[in-house]
Amino acid sequence: MSQPQAISDQDFDRSVLQAKEPVLVDFWAAWCGPCRRVGPVVESLAQEYAGKVKVAKLNVDENPQTPAKYSVMSIPTLILFQGGQVVTQMVGARSKEEFKKVLDEALKGAK
């Protein structure tokens, strides 16, 4: 079973920007209600897209540098990176279908 990988400011460049596959990063915090609602969706995306998209979670309270660098003002924010670049940014709780649509579009473009 593929789980989202917990990442930090320290390993962000290596885990996300240097990754060969697209990386979906969930910027979240433990106290954030919408983040808790999105959590199970992010986990199921990690399983469904295993081998195609890497899914990572970054706790904004413990890692303030990366959210500041990408202007993350509210959480949950999910950013899809590909080749070290931001492909798309989604702010707020969304349905699994909305996330899948964005991931599928990015995967089509990557081929």
C-alpha atoms as a PDB file:
ATOM      1  CA  MET A   1       0.000   0.000   0.000  1.00  0.00           C
ATOM      2  CA  SER A   2       1.429   3.343  -1.039  1.00  0.00           C
ATOM      3  CA  GLN A   3       1.193   6.099   1.559  1.00  0.00           C
ATOM      4  CA  PRO A   4       1.891   9.810   1.160  1.00  0.00           C
ATOM      5  CA  GLN A   5       5.495  10.562   2.076  1.00  0.00           C
ATOM      6  CA  ALA A   6       6.073  13.066   4.874  1.00  0.00           C
ATOM      7  CA  ILE A   7       8.560  15.668   3.682  1.00  0.00           C
ATOM      8  CA  SER A   8      10.238  18.670   5.305  1.00  0.00           C
ATOM      9  CA  ASP A   9      11.926  21.939   4.329  1.00  0.00           C
ATOM     10  CA  GLN A  10      15.253  20.066   4.485  1.00  0.00           C
ATOM     11  CA  ASP A  11      14.413  17.346   1.961  1.00  0.00           C
ATOM     12  CA  PHE A  12      11.947  19.284  -0.236  1.00  0.00           C
ATOM     13  CA  ASP A  13      14.405  19.924  -3.075  1.00  0.00           C
ATOM     14  CA  ARG A  14      15.533  16.297  -3.236  1.00  0.00           C
ATOM     15  CA  SER A  15      12.077  14.738  -2.699  1.00  0.00           C
ATOM     16  CA  VAL A  16      10.039  17.076  -4.889  1.00  0.00           C
ATOM     17  CA  LEU A  17      12.055  19.315  -7.207  1.00  0.00           C
ATOM     18  CA  GLN A  18      14.517  16.588  -8.260  1.00  0.00           C
ATOM     19  CA  ALA A  19      11.918  13.818  -8.560  1.00  0.00           C
ATOM     20  CA  LYS A  20      11.641  12.126 -11.940  1.00  0.00           C
ATOM     21  CA  GLU A  21       7.854  11.685 -11.632  1.00  0.00           C
ATOM     22  CA  PRO A  22       5.235  14.380 -10.946  1.00  0.00           C
ATOM     23  CA  VAL A  23       4.845  15.119  -7.219  1.00  0.00           C
ATOM     24  CA  LEU A  24       1.606  16.198  -5.538  1.00  0.00           C
ATOM     25  CA  VAL A  25       2.400  18.018  -2.283  1.00  0.00           C
ATOM     26  CA  ASP A  26      -0.305  18.460   0.351  1.00  0.00           C
ATOM     27  CA  PHE A  27       0.478  21.512   2.523  1.00  0.00           C
ATOM     28  CA  TRP A  28      -1.424  20.886   5.755  1.00  0.00           C
ATOM     29  CA  ALA A  29      -1.499  21.293   9.561  1.00  0.00           C
ATOM     30  CA  ALA A  30      -2.861  19.090  12.346  1.00  0.00           C
ATOM     31  CA  TRP A  31      -5.281  21.784  13.616  1.00  0.00           C
ATOM     32  CA  CYS A  32      -6.834  22.379  10.166  1.00  0.00           C
ATOM     33  CA  GLY A  33     -10.313  20.839   9.800  1.00  0.00           C
ATOM     34  CA  PRO A  34     -10.455  20.951   5.979  1.00  0.00           C
ATOM     35  CA  CYS A  35      -6.951  19.390   5.926  1.00  0.00           C
ATOM     36  CA  ARG A  36      -8.270  16.454   7.944  1.00  0.00           C
ATOM     37  CA  ARG A  37     -11.130  16.048   5.452  1.00  0.00           C
ATOM     38  CA  VAL A  38      -8.707  16.073   2.501  1.00  0.00           C
ATOM     39  CA  GLY A  39      -6.286  13.647   4.219  1.00  0.00           C
ATOM     40  CA  PRO A  40      -8.117  10.407   3.310  1.00  0.00           C
ATOM     41  CA  VAL A  41      -8.558  11.649  -0.275  1.00  0.00           C
ATOM     42  CA  VAL A  42      -4.816  12.333  -0.538  1.00  0.00           C
ATOM     43  CA  GLU A  43      -4.086   8.859   0.866  1.00  0.00           C
ATOM     44  CA  SER A  44      -6.354   7.194  -1.691  1.00  0.00           C
ATOM     45  CA  LEU A  45      -4.722   9.220  -4.505  1.00  0.00           C
ATOM     46  CA  ALA A  46      -1.312   7.992  -3.304  1.00  0.00           C
ATOM     47  CA  GLN A  47      -2.528   4.403  -3.691  1.00  0.00           C
ATOM     48  CA  GLU A  48      -4.341   4.944  -6.976  1.00  0.00           C
ATOM     49  CA  TYR A  49      -1.462   6.794  -8.653  1.00  0.00           C
ATOM     50  CA  ALA A  50       1.385   4.713  -7.149  1.00  0.00           C
ATOM     51  CA  GLY A  51       4.184   4.430  -9.689  1.00  0.00           C
ATOM     52  CA  LYS A  52       2.855   7.405 -11.700  1.00  0.00           C
ATOM     53  CA  VAL A  53       2.671  10.283  -9.229  1.00  0.00           C
ATOM     54  CA  LYS A  54       4.519  10.676  -5.963  1.00  0.00           C
ATOM     55  CA  VAL A  55       2.287  12.035  -3.192  1.00  0.00           C
ATOM     56  CA  ALA A  56       3.833  13.960  -0.303  1.00  0.00           C
ATOM     57  CA  LYS A  57       2.593  15.858   2.749  1.00  0.00           C
ATOM     58  CA  LEU A  58       4.309  18.875   4.264  1.00  0.00           C
ATOM     59  CA  ASN A  59       3.266  20.119   7.715  1.00  0.00           C
ATOM     60  CA  VAL A  60       3.291  23.929   7.443  1.00  0.00           C
ATOM     61  CA  ASP A  61       3.695  24.458  11.198  1.00  0.00           C
ATOM     62  CA  GLU A  62       6.854  22.349  11.347  1.00  0.00           C
ATOM     63  CA  ASN A  63       8.229  23.510   7.971  1.00  0.00           C
ATOM     64  CA  PRO A  64       7.546  27.227   7.398  1.00  0.00           C
ATOM     65  CA  GLN A  65      10.165  27.915   4.690  1.00  0.00           C
ATOM     66  CA  THR A  66       8.678  25.924   1.801  1.00  0.00           C
ATOM     67  CA  PRO A  67       5.087  27.236   2.142  1.00  0.00           C
ATOM     68  CA  ALA A  68       6.483  30.794   2.225  1.00  0.00           C
ATOM     69  CA  LYS A  69       8.556  30.117  -0.907  1.00  0.00           C
ATOM     70  CA  TYR A  70       5.446  28.983  -2.809  1.00  0.00           C
ATOM     71  CA  SER A  71       3.118  31.655  -1.338  1.00  0.00           C
ATOM     72  CA  VAL A  72       0.905  29.145   0.467  1.00  0.00           C
ATOM     73  CA  MET A  73      -1.475  31.440   2.360  1.00  0.00           C
ATOM     74  CA  SER A  74      -4.260  29.048   3.281  1.00  0.00           C
ATOM     75  CA  ILE A  75      -4.445  25.338   3.833  1.00  0.00           C
ATOM     76  CA  PRO A  76      -5.089  22.810   2.621  1.00  0.00           C
ATOM     77  CA  THR A  77      -3.163  23.739  -0.511  1.00  0.00           C
ATOM     78  CA  LEU A  78      -2.115  21.002  -2.909  1.00  0.00           C
ATOM     79  CA  ILE A  79       0.571  21.829  -5.444  1.00  0.00           C
ATOM     80  CA  LEU A  80       1.521  19.565  -8.319  1.00  0.00           C
ATOM     81  CA  PHE A  81       5.183  19.791  -9.302  1.00  0.00           C
ATOM     82  CA  GLN A  82       6.687  18.354 -12.451  1.00  0.00           C
ATOM     83  CA  GLY A  83      10.317  18.688 -13.446  1.00  0.00           C
ATOM     84  CA  GLY A  84      10.920  21.032 -10.517  1.00  0.00           C
ATOM     85  CA  GLN A  85       8.186  23.428 -11.678  1.00  0.00           C
ATOM     86  CA  VAL A  86       4.724  24.190 -10.303  1.00  0.00           C
ATOM     87  CA  VAL A  87       2.156  22.734 -12.697  1.00  0.00           C
ATOM     88  CA  THR A  88      -0.955  23.681 -10.754  1.00  0.00           C
ATOM     89  CA  GLN A  89      -2.025  24.811  -7.306  1.00  0.00           C
ATOM     90  CA  MET A  90      -5.352  23.912  -5.682  1.00  0.00           C
ATOM     91  CA  VAL A  91      -6.459  25.724  -2.543  1.00  0.00           C
ATOM     92  CA  GLY A  92      -9.124  24.367  -0.221  1.00  0.00           C
ATOM     93  CA  ALA A  93     -10.855  21.037   0.237  1.00  0.00           C
ATOM     94  CA  ARG A  94     -11.931  19.524  -3.058  1.00  0.00           C
ATOM     95  CA  SER A  95     -13.469  16.290  -4.222  1.00  0.00           C
ATOM     96  CA  LYS A  96     -11.360  13.316  -5.214  1.00  0.00           C
ATOM     97  CA  GLU A  97     -12.703  13.693  -8.764  1.00  0.00           C
ATOM     98  CA  GLU A  98     -11.357  17.250  -8.993  1.00  0.00           C
ATOM     99  CA  PHE A  99      -7.895  16.137  -7.848  1.00  0.00           C
ATOM    100  CA  LYS A 100      -7.956  13.175 -10.249  1.00  0.00           C
ATOM    101  CA  LYS A 101      -8.865  15.427 -13.171  1.00  0.00           C
ATOM    102  CA  VAL A 102      -5.839  17.643 -12.478  1.00  0.00           C
ATOM    103  CA  LEU A 103      -3.507  14.648 -12.060  1.00  0.00           C
ATOM    104  CA  ASP A 104      -4.789  12.960 -15.212  1.00  0.00           C
ATOM    105  CA  GLU A 105      -4.297  16.194 -17.209  1.00  0.00           C
ATOM    106  CA  ALA A 106      -0.716  16.512 -15.936  1.00  0.00           C
ATOM    107  CA  LEU A 107       0.057  12.867 -16.744  1.00  0.00           C
ATOM    108  CA  LYS A 108      -1.318  13.287 -20.274  1.00  0.00           C
ATOM    109  CA  GLY A 109       0.912  16.321 -20.767  1.00  0.00           C
ATOM    110  CA  ALA A 110       3.952  14.461 -19.426  1.00  0.00           C
ATOM    111  CA  LYS A 111       3.825  11.762 -22.090  1.00  0.00           C
END
